[in-house]
Amino acid sequence: MAEEHELDSYVIRLDEMVETLESENKRLRAFAAAVMAIAWECGDLDGGAAQDLALQHGVIVEVPFDPKKHHGIGAEDVEPGDPWYVLAWSEKAR
């Protein structure tokens, strides 16, 4: 019985992981398609436009800035609690 319960738990965890990966893959594909649509239209994609597309497609998420967790370009100009963007699958998004 215990082995069967462990196996069931393992299968449930695997199903959850597959669902997460499928969701991430779908968002990344939509983001890539949007980027390529701009490129194929002979357009330029600047950082702001890339960030907007990434946010729109769930590749990045907005979180409150926490100087203990968030570092990088621009971090010195942000106050705790201000909007900050991180990759959706990042530990910093949680």
PDB file of N, CA and C in Angstrom:
ATOM      1  N   MET A   1       0.805  -1.203   0.000  1.00  0.00           N
ATOM      2  CA  MET A   1       0.000   0.000   0.000  1.00  0.00           C
ATOM      3  C   MET A   1       0.847   1.266   0.000  1.00  0.00           C
ATOM      4  N   ALA A   2       1.871   1.313   0.837  1.00  0.00           N
ATOM      5  CA  ALA A   2       2.717   2.505   0.939  1.00  0.00           C
ATOM      6  C   ALA A   2       3.426   2.770  -0.388  1.00  0.00           C
ATOM      7  N   GLU A   3       3.900   1.701  -1.023  1.00  0.00           N
ATOM      8  CA  GLU A   3       4.572   1.869  -2.313  1.00  0.00           C
ATOM      9  C   GLU A   3       3.615   2.408  -3.369  1.00  0.00           C
ATOM     10  N   GLU A   4       2.379   1.943  -3.338  1.00  0.00           N
ATOM     11  CA  GLU A   4       1.379   2.414  -4.293  1.00  0.00           C
ATOM     12  C   GLU A   4       1.079   3.895  -4.059  1.00  0.00           C
ATOM     13  N   HIS A   5       0.998   4.309  -2.801  1.00  0.00           N
ATOM     14  CA  HIS A   5       0.762   5.715  -2.468  1.00  0.00           C
ATOM     15  C   HIS A   5       1.934   6.577  -2.924  1.00  0.00           C
ATOM     16  N   GLU A   6       3.155   6.103  -2.720  1.00  0.00           N
ATOM     17  CA  GLU A   6       4.341   6.840  -3.173  1.00  0.00           C
ATOM     18  C   GLU A   6       4.349   6.980  -4.687  1.00  0.00           C
ATOM     19  N   LEU A   7       3.989   5.913  -5.376  1.00  0.00           N
ATOM     20  CA  LEU A   7       3.936   5.956  -6.832  1.00  0.00           C
ATOM     21  C   LEU A   7       2.869   6.950  -7.303  1.00  0.00           C
ATOM     22  N   ASP A   8       1.705   6.934  -6.673  1.00  0.00           N
ATOM     23  CA  ASP A   8       0.648   7.880  -7.026  1.00  0.00           C
ATOM     24  C   ASP A   8       1.109   9.314  -6.808  1.00  0.00           C
ATOM     25  N   SER A   9       1.781   9.576  -5.703  1.00  0.00           N
ATOM     26  CA  SER A   9       2.289  10.918  -5.411  1.00  0.00           C
ATOM     27  C   SER A   9       3.317  11.340  -6.451  1.00  0.00           C
ATOM     28  N   TYR A  10       4.166  10.414  -6.835  1.00  0.00           N
ATOM     29  CA  TYR A  10       5.187  10.696  -7.842  1.00  0.00           C
ATOM     30  C   TYR A  10       4.538  11.034  -9.189  1.00  0.00           C
ATOM     31  N   VAL A  11       3.526  10.290  -9.577  1.00  0.00           N
ATOM     32  CA  VAL A  11       2.829  10.527 -10.842  1.00  0.00           C
ATOM     33  C   VAL A  11       2.133  11.893 -10.803  1.00  0.00           C
ATOM     34  N   ILE A  12       1.538  12.232  -9.688  1.00  0.00           N
ATOM     35  CA  ILE A  12       0.882  13.539  -9.549  1.00  0.00           C
ATOM     36  C   ILE A  12       1.905  14.652  -9.707  1.00  0.00           C
ATOM     37  N   ARG A  13       3.074  14.518  -9.063  1.00  0.00           N
ATOM     38  CA  ARG A  13       4.121  15.536  -9.184  1.00  0.00           C
ATOM     39  C   ARG A  13       4.605  15.650 -10.628  1.00  0.00           C
ATOM     40  N   LEU A  14       4.765  14.513 -11.299  1.00  0.00           N
ATOM     41  CA  LEU A  14       5.190  14.534 -12.702  1.00  0.00           C
ATOM     42  C   LEU A  14       4.144  15.222 -13.573  1.00  0.00           C
ATOM     43  N   ASP A  15       2.876  14.942 -13.334  1.00  0.00           N
ATOM     44  CA  ASP A  15       1.808  15.595 -14.094  1.00  0.00           C
ATOM     45  C   ASP A  15       1.849  17.109 -13.891  1.00  0.00           C
ATOM     46  N   GLU A  16       2.095  17.546 -12.661  1.00  0.00           N
ATOM     47  CA  GLU A  16       2.182  18.980 -12.367  1.00  0.00           C
ATOM     48  C   GLU A  16       3.377  19.600 -13.082  1.00  0.00           C
ATOM     49  N   MET A  17       4.494  18.877 -13.113  1.00  0.00           N
ATOM     50  CA  MET A  17       5.686  19.390 -13.796  1.00  0.00           C
ATOM     51  C   MET A  17       5.437  19.501 -15.300  1.00  0.00           C
ATOM     52  N   VAL A  18       4.799  18.516 -15.885  1.00  0.00           N
ATOM     53  CA  VAL A  18       4.491  18.544 -17.318  1.00  0.00           C
ATOM     54  C   VAL A  18       3.565  19.719 -17.616  1.00  0.00           C
ATOM     55  N   GLU A  19       2.571  19.937 -16.784  1.00  0.00           N
ATOM     56  CA  GLU A  19       1.650  21.055 -16.981  1.00  0.00           C
ATOM     57  C   GLU A  19       2.399  22.387 -16.923  1.00  0.00           C
ATOM     58  N   THR A  20       3.313  22.524 -15.978  1.00  0.00           N
ATOM     59  CA  THR A  20       4.111  23.749 -15.856  1.00  0.00           C
ATOM     60  C   THR A  20       4.970  23.953 -17.095  1.00  0.00           C
ATOM     61  N   LEU A  21       5.647  22.909 -17.534  1.00  0.00           N
ATOM     62  CA  LEU A  21       6.507  23.010 -18.713  1.00  0.00           C
ATOM     63  C   LEU A  21       5.708  23.326 -19.975  1.00  0.00           C
ATOM     64  N   GLU A  22       4.542  22.734 -20.107  1.00  0.00           N
ATOM     65  CA  GLU A  22       3.707  23.026 -21.271  1.00  0.00           C
ATOM     66  C   GLU A  22       3.266  24.486 -21.271  1.00  0.00           C
ATOM     67  N   SER A  23       2.922  25.003 -20.106  1.00  0.00           N
ATOM     68  CA  SER A  23       2.512  26.401 -19.984  1.00  0.00           C
ATOM     69  C   SER A  23       3.667  27.339 -20.321  1.00  0.00           C
ATOM     70  N   GLU A  24       4.848  27.056 -19.783  1.00  0.00           N
ATOM     71  CA  GLU A  24       6.025  27.881 -20.077  1.00  0.00           C
ATOM     72  C   GLU A  24       6.357  27.828 -21.563  1.00  0.00           C
ATOM     73  N   ASN A  25       6.290  26.654 -22.151  1.00  0.00           N
ATOM     74  CA  ASN A  25       6.585  26.499 -23.567  1.00  0.00           C
ATOM     75  C   ASN A  25       5.618  27.308 -24.419  1.00  0.00           C
ATOM     76  N   LYS A  26       4.343  27.271 -24.077  1.00  0.00           N
ATOM     77  CA  LYS A  26       3.329  28.016 -24.821  1.00  0.00           C
ATOM     78  C   LYS A  26       3.606  29.522 -24.750  1.00  0.00           C
ATOM     79  N   ARG A  27       3.954  30.018 -23.552  1.00  0.00           N
ATOM     80  CA  ARG A  27       4.240  31.448 -23.395  1.00  0.00           C
ATOM     81  C   ARG A  27       5.497  31.851 -24.155  1.00  0.00           C
ATOM     82  N   LEU A  28       6.537  31.031 -24.089  1.00  0.00           N
ATOM     83  CA  LEU A  28       7.777  31.348 -24.789  1.00  0.00           C
ATOM     84  C   LEU A  28       7.587  31.331 -26.307  1.00  0.00           C
ATOM     85  N   ARG A  29       6.801  30.383 -26.805  1.00  0.00           N
ATOM     86  CA  ARG A  29       6.530  30.323 -28.242  1.00  0.00           C
ATOM     87  C   ARG A  29       5.753  31.557 -28.707  1.00  0.00           C
ATOM     88  N   ALA A  30       4.778  31.988 -27.910  1.00  0.00           N
ATOM     89  CA  ALA A  30       4.002  33.184 -28.267  1.00  0.00           C
ATOM     90  C   ALA A  30       4.897  34.416 -28.261  1.00  0.00           C
ATOM     91  N   PHE A  31       5.781  34.507 -27.280  1.00  0.00           N
ATOM     92  CA  PHE A  31       6.719  35.626 -27.205  1.00  0.00           C
ATOM     93  C   PHE A  31       7.650  35.612 -28.421  1.00  0.00           C
ATOM     94  N   ALA A  32       8.203  34.453 -28.741  1.00  0.00           N
ATOM     95  CA  ALA A  32       9.111  34.338 -29.884  1.00  0.00           C
ATOM     96  C   ALA A  32       8.391  34.703 -31.183  1.00  0.00           C
ATOM     97  N   ALA A  33       7.156  34.272 -31.330  1.00  0.00           N
ATOM     98  CA  ALA A  33       6.392  34.601 -32.544  1.00  0.00           C
ATOM     99  C   ALA A  33       6.170  36.108 -32.645  1.00  0.00           C
ATOM    100  N   ALA A  34       5.882  36.763 -31.526  1.00  0.00           N
ATOM    101  CA  ALA A  34       5.676  38.213 -31.534  1.00  0.00           C
ATOM    102  C   ALA A  34       6.969  38.950 -31.891  1.00  0.00           C
ATOM    103  N   VAL A  35       8.085  38.498 -31.349  1.00  0.00           N
ATOM    104  CA  VAL A  35       9.380  39.113 -31.658  1.00  0.00           C
ATOM    105  C   VAL A  35       9.691  38.944 -33.141  1.00  0.00           C
ATOM    106  N   MET A  36       9.488  37.750 -33.654  1.00  0.00           N
ATOM    107  CA  MET A  36       9.793  37.501 -35.064  1.00  0.00           C
ATOM    108  C   MET A  36       8.841  38.257 -35.988  1.00  0.00           C
ATOM    109  N   ALA A  37       7.600  38.458 -35.591  1.00  0.00           N
ATOM    110  CA  ALA A  37       6.667  39.236 -36.411  1.00  0.00           C
ATOM    111  C   ALA A  37       7.187  40.657 -36.584  1.00  0.00           C
ATOM    112  N   ILE A  38       7.745  41.220 -35.522  1.00  0.00           N
ATOM    113  CA  ILE A  38       8.331  42.565 -35.611  1.00  0.00           C
ATOM    114  C   ILE A  38       9.550  42.541 -36.525  1.00  0.00           C
ATOM    115  N   ALA A  39      10.408  41.546 -36.359  1.00  0.00           N
ATOM    116  CA  ALA A  39      11.626  41.452 -37.176  1.00  0.00           C
ATOM    117  C   ALA A  39      11.280  41.283 -38.654  1.00  0.00           C
ATOM    118  N   TRP A  40      10.297  40.443 -38.948  1.00  0.00           N
ATOM    119  CA  TRP A  40       9.932  40.190 -40.337  1.00  0.00           C
ATOM    120  C   TRP A  40       9.255  41.387 -40.986  1.00  0.00           C
ATOM    121  N   GLU A  41       8.735  42.280 -40.178  1.00  0.00           N
ATOM    122  CA  GLU A  41       8.145  43.512 -40.706  1.00  0.00           C
ATOM    123  C   GLU A  41       9.212  44.600 -40.835  1.00  0.00           C
ATOM    124  N   CYS A  42      10.478  44.193 -40.728  1.00  0.00           N
ATOM    125  CA  CYS A  42      11.623  45.100 -40.812  1.00  0.00           C
ATOM    126  C   CYS A  42      11.611  46.136 -39.702  1.00  0.00           C
ATOM    127  N   GLY A  43      11.075  45.750 -38.559  1.00  0.00           N
ATOM    128  CA  GLY A  43      11.033  46.656 -37.423  1.00  0.00           C
ATOM    129  C   GLY A  43      12.172  46.381 -36.471  1.00  0.00           C
ATOM    130  N   ASP A  44      12.369  47.321 -35.586  1.00  0.00           N
ATOM    131  CA  ASP A  44      13.377  47.174 -34.542  1.00  0.00           C
ATOM    132  C   ASP A  44      12.672  46.947 -33.217  1.00  0.00           C
ATOM    133  N   LEU A  45      13.244  46.119 -32.400  1.00  0.00           N
ATOM    134  CA  LEU A  45      12.681  45.816 -31.100  1.00  0.00           C
ATOM    135  C   LEU A  45      13.621  46.374 -30.045  1.00  0.00           C
ATOM    136  N   ASP A  46      13.216  47.470 -29.415  1.00  0.00           N
ATOM    137  CA  ASP A  46      14.060  48.033 -28.362  1.00  0.00           C
ATOM    138  C   ASP A  46      13.730  47.354 -27.036  1.00  0.00           C
ATOM    139  N   GLY A  47      14.493  47.694 -26.032  1.00  0.00           N
ATOM    140  CA  GLY A  47      14.329  47.056 -24.728  1.00  0.00           C
ATOM    141  C   GLY A  47      12.948  47.225 -24.139  1.00  0.00           C
ATOM    142  N   GLY A  48      12.388  48.422 -24.283  1.00  0.00           N
ATOM    143  CA  GLY A  48      11.049  48.672 -23.743  1.00  0.00           C
ATOM    144  C   GLY A  48       9.988  47.830 -24.424  1.00  0.00           C
ATOM    145  N   ALA A  49      10.082  47.726 -25.740  1.00  0.00           N
ATOM    146  CA  ALA A  49       9.120  46.914 -26.489  1.00  0.00           C
ATOM    147  C   ALA A  49       9.283  45.434 -26.148  1.00  0.00           C
ATOM    148  N   ALA A  50      10.523  44.987 -25.998  1.00  0.00           N
ATOM    149  CA  ALA A  50      10.770  43.587 -25.626  1.00  0.00           C
ATOM    150  C   ALA A  50      10.189  43.302 -24.248  1.00  0.00           C
ATOM    151  N   GLN A  51      10.373  44.224 -23.323  1.00  0.00           N
ATOM    152  CA  GLN A  51       9.827  44.046 -21.971  1.00  0.00           C
ATOM    153  C   GLN A  51       8.302  44.004 -22.017  1.00  0.00           C
ATOM    154  N   ASP A  52       7.686  44.889 -22.795  1.00  0.00           N
ATOM    155  CA  ASP A  52       6.225  44.894 -22.918  1.00  0.00           C
ATOM    156  C   ASP A  52       5.712  43.569 -23.476  1.00  0.00           C
ATOM    157  N   LEU A  53       6.379  43.057 -24.518  1.00  0.00           N
ATOM    158  CA  LEU A  53       5.975  41.771 -25.095  1.00  0.00           C
ATOM    159  C   LEU A  53       6.170  40.629 -24.100  1.00  0.00           C
ATOM    160  N   ALA A  54       7.282  40.658 -23.389  1.00  0.00           N
ATOM    161  CA  ALA A  54       7.550  39.604 -22.399  1.00  0.00           C
ATOM    162  C   ALA A  54       6.496  39.620 -21.298  1.00  0.00           C
ATOM    163  N   LEU A  55       6.098  40.799 -20.864  1.00  0.00           N
ATOM    164  CA  LEU A  55       5.063  40.914 -19.842  1.00  0.00           C
ATOM    165  C   LEU A  55       3.720  40.436 -20.391  1.00  0.00           C
ATOM    166  N   GLN A  56       3.408  40.847 -21.603  1.00  0.00           N
ATOM    167  CA  GLN A  56       2.152  40.463 -22.253  1.00  0.00           C
ATOM    168  C   GLN A  56       2.025  38.948 -22.389  1.00  0.00           C
ATOM    169  N   HIS A  57       3.137  38.274 -22.663  1.00  0.00           N
ATOM    170  CA  HIS A  57       3.108  36.825 -22.900  1.00  0.00           C
ATOM    171  C   HIS A  57       3.469  36.005 -21.660  1.00  0.00           C
ATOM    172  N   GLY A  58       3.619  36.662 -20.517  1.00  0.00           N
ATOM    173  CA  GLY A  58       3.869  35.940 -19.276  1.00  0.00           C
ATOM    174  C   GLY A  58       5.279  35.413 -19.128  1.00  0.00           C
ATOM    175  N   VAL A  59       6.217  35.957 -19.892  1.00  0.00           N
ATOM    176  CA  VAL A  59       7.620  35.535 -19.776  1.00  0.00           C
ATOM    177  C   VAL A  59       8.266  36.210 -18.561  1.00  0.00           C
ATOM    178  N   ILE A  60       7.826  37.441 -18.288  1.00  0.00           N
ATOM    179  CA  ILE A  60       8.256  38.143 -17.081  1.00  0.00           C
ATOM    180  C   ILE A  60       7.012  38.520 -16.294  1.00  0.00           C
ATOM    181  N   VAL A  61       7.201  38.774 -15.004  1.00  0.00           N
ATOM    182  CA  VAL A  61       6.115  39.212 -14.133  1.00  0.00           C
ATOM    183  C   VAL A  61       6.587  40.415 -13.321  1.00  0.00           C
ATOM    184  N   GLU A  62       5.634  41.233 -12.938  1.00  0.00           N
ATOM    185  CA  GLU A  62       5.933  42.379 -12.088  1.00  0.00           C
ATOM    186  C   GLU A  62       5.815  41.955 -10.631  1.00  0.00           C
ATOM    187  N   VAL A  63       6.837  42.282  -9.861  1.00  0.00           N
ATOM    188  CA  VAL A  63       6.845  42.009  -8.422  1.00  0.00           C
ATOM    189  C   VAL A  63       7.279  43.276  -7.702  1.00  0.00           C
ATOM    190  N   PRO A  64       6.988  43.379  -6.407  1.00  0.00           N
ATOM    191  CA  PRO A  64       7.495  44.531  -5.658  1.00  0.00           C
ATOM    192  C   PRO A  64       9.012  44.403  -5.478  1.00  0.00           C
ATOM    193  N   PHE A  65       9.714  45.485  -5.716  1.00  0.00           N
ATOM    194  CA  PHE A  65      11.175  45.471  -5.577  1.00  0.00           C
ATOM    195  C   PHE A  65      11.567  45.185  -4.136  1.00  0.00           C
ATOM    196  N   ASP A  66      12.481  44.238  -3.977  1.00  0.00           N
ATOM    197  CA  ASP A  66      13.045  43.883  -2.674  1.00  0.00           C
ATOM    198  C   ASP A  66      14.560  43.912  -2.822  1.00  0.00           C
ATOM    199  N   PRO A  67      15.234  44.899  -2.227  1.00  0.00           N
ATOM    200  CA  PRO A  67      16.686  45.012  -2.408  1.00  0.00           C
ATOM    201  C   PRO A  67      17.472  43.804  -1.899  1.00  0.00           C
ATOM    202  N   LYS A  68      16.864  42.981  -1.062  1.00  0.00           N
ATOM    203  CA  LYS A  68      17.538  41.766  -0.583  1.00  0.00           C
ATOM    204  C   LYS A  68      17.521  40.665  -1.644  1.00  0.00           C
ATOM    205  N   LYS A  69      16.545  40.712  -2.558  1.00  0.00           N
ATOM    206  CA  LYS A  69      16.401  39.679  -3.580  1.00  0.00           C
ATOM    207  C   LYS A  69      16.775  40.147  -4.975  1.00  0.00           C
ATOM    208  N   HIS A  70      16.553  41.417  -5.272  1.00  0.00           N
ATOM    209  CA  HIS A  70      16.674  41.910  -6.640  1.00  0.00           C
ATOM    210  C   HIS A  70      17.910  42.779  -6.812  1.00  0.00           C
ATOM    211  N   HIS A  71      18.666  42.470  -7.841  1.00  0.00           N
ATOM    212  CA  HIS A  71      19.897  43.193  -8.157  1.00  0.00           C
ATOM    213  C   HIS A  71      19.981  43.346  -9.668  1.00  0.00           C
ATOM    214  N   GLY A  72      20.826  44.227 -10.112  1.00  0.00           N
ATOM    215  CA  GLY A  72      21.038  44.360 -11.544  1.00  0.00           C
ATOM    216  C   GLY A  72      20.957  45.803 -11.995  1.00  0.00           C
ATOM    217  N   ILE A  73      20.943  45.955 -13.292  1.00  0.00           N
ATOM    218  CA  ILE A  73      20.907  47.289 -13.884  1.00  0.00           C
ATOM    219  C   ILE A  73      19.648  48.010 -13.422  1.00  0.00           C
ATOM    220  N   GLY A  74      19.831  49.195 -12.899  1.00  0.00           N
ATOM    221  CA  GLY A  74      18.706  50.012 -12.463  1.00  0.00           C
ATOM    222  C   GLY A  74      18.282  49.809 -11.026  1.00  0.00           C
ATOM    223  N   ALA A  75      18.806  48.788 -10.367  1.00  0.00           N
ATOM    224  CA  ALA A  75      18.381  48.497  -8.998  1.00  0.00           C
ATOM    225  C   ALA A  75      18.704  49.636  -8.037  1.00  0.00           C
ATOM    226  N   GLU A  76      19.760  50.387  -8.341  1.00  0.00           N
ATOM    227  CA  GLU A  76      20.139  51.478  -7.446  1.00  0.00           C
ATOM    228  C   GLU A  76      19.155  52.652  -7.526  1.00  0.00           C
ATOM    229  N   ASP A  77      18.304  52.666  -8.541  1.00  0.00           N
ATOM    230  CA  ASP A  77      17.355  53.760  -8.727  1.00  0.00           C
ATOM    231  C   ASP A  77      15.935  53.405  -8.280  1.00  0.00           C
ATOM    232  N   VAL A  78      15.772  52.264  -7.642  1.00  0.00           N
ATOM    233  CA  VAL A  78      14.439  51.781  -7.291  1.00  0.00           C
ATOM    234  C   VAL A  78      14.296  51.724  -5.774  1.00  0.00           C
ATOM    235  N   GLU A  79      13.124  52.080  -5.305  1.00  0.00           N
ATOM    236  CA  GLU A  79      12.822  52.025  -3.875  1.00  0.00           C
ATOM    237  C   GLU A  79      12.115  50.711  -3.551  1.00  0.00           C
ATOM    238  N   PRO A  80      12.269  50.201  -2.332  1.00  0.00           N
ATOM    239  CA  PRO A  80      11.540  48.991  -1.945  1.00  0.00           C
ATOM    240  C   PRO A  80      10.037  49.149  -2.198  1.00  0.00           C
ATOM    241  N   GLY A  81       9.462  48.125  -2.813  1.00  0.00           N
ATOM    242  CA  GLY A  81       8.041  48.131  -3.119  1.00  0.00           C
ATOM    243  C   GLY A  81       7.701  48.639  -4.508  1.00  0.00           C
ATOM    244  N   ASP A  82       8.643  49.332  -5.165  1.00  0.00           N
ATOM    245  CA  ASP A  82       8.408  49.795  -6.535  1.00  0.00           C
ATOM    246  C   ASP A  82       8.280  48.595  -7.473  1.00  0.00           C
ATOM    247  N   PRO A  83       7.644  48.780  -8.628  1.00  0.00           N
ATOM    248  CA  PRO A  83       7.553  47.679  -9.586  1.00  0.00           C
ATOM    249  C   PRO A  83       8.941  47.230 -10.060  1.00  0.00           C
ATOM    250  N   TRP A  84       9.116  45.925 -10.184  1.00  0.00           N
ATOM    251  CA  TRP A  84      10.357  45.300 -10.652  1.00  0.00           C
ATOM    252  C   TRP A  84       9.946  44.106 -11.483  1.00  0.00           C
ATOM    253  N   TYR A  85      10.682  43.800 -12.515  1.00  0.00           N
ATOM    254  CA  TYR A  85      10.323  42.701 -13.416  1.00  0.00           C
ATOM    255  C   TYR A  85      11.355  41.587 -13.342  1.00  0.00           C
ATOM    256  N   VAL A  86      10.858  40.361 -13.241  1.00  0.00           N
ATOM    257  CA  VAL A  86      11.714  39.176 -13.182  1.00  0.00           C
ATOM    258  C   VAL A  86      11.134  38.110 -14.110  1.00  0.00           C
ATOM    259  N   LEU A  87      11.969  37.168 -14.500  1.00  0.00           N
ATOM    260  CA  LEU A  87      11.483  36.041 -15.291  1.00  0.00           C
ATOM    261  C   LEU A  87      10.415  35.300 -14.500  1.00  0.00           C
ATOM    262  N   ALA A  88       9.358  34.901 -15.168  1.00  0.00           N
ATOM    263  CA  ALA A  88       8.217  34.286 -14.502  1.00  0.00           C
ATOM    264  C   ALA A  88       8.583  33.011 -13.743  1.00  0.00           C
ATOM    265  N   TRP A  89       9.570  32.283 -14.232  1.00  0.00           N
ATOM    266  CA  TRP A  89       9.938  31.016 -13.584  1.00  0.00           C
ATOM    267  C   TRP A  89      11.072  31.184 -12.579  1.00  0.00           C
ATOM    268  N   SER A  90      11.488  32.409 -12.344  1.00  0.00           N
ATOM    269  CA  SER A  90      12.581  32.697 -11.419  1.00  0.00           C
ATOM    270  C   SER A  90      12.130  32.528  -9.967  1.00  0.00           C
ATOM    271  N   GLU A  91      13.052  32.112  -9.132  1.00  0.00           N
ATOM    272  CA  GLU A  91      12.775  32.042  -7.702  1.00  0.00           C
ATOM    273  C   GLU A  91      12.404  33.413  -7.159  1.00  0.00           C
ATOM    274  N   LYS A  92      12.906  34.474  -7.795  1.00  0.00           N
ATOM    275  CA  LYS A  92      12.628  35.824  -7.346  1.00  0.00           C
ATOM    276  C   LYS A  92      11.193  36.251  -7.648  1.00  0.00           C
ATOM    277  N   ALA A  93      10.498  35.490  -8.469  1.00  0.00           N
ATOM    278  CA  ALA A  93       9.110  35.803  -8.794  1.00  0.00           C
ATOM    279  C   ALA A  93       8.159  35.316  -7.706  1.00  0.00           C
ATOM    280  N   ARG A  94       8.663  34.508  -6.817  1.00  0.00           N
ATOM    281  CA  ARG A  94       7.807  33.937  -5.757  1.00  0.00           C
ATOM    282  C   ARG A  94       7.870  34.739  -4.512  1.00  0.00           C
TER     283      ARG A  94
END
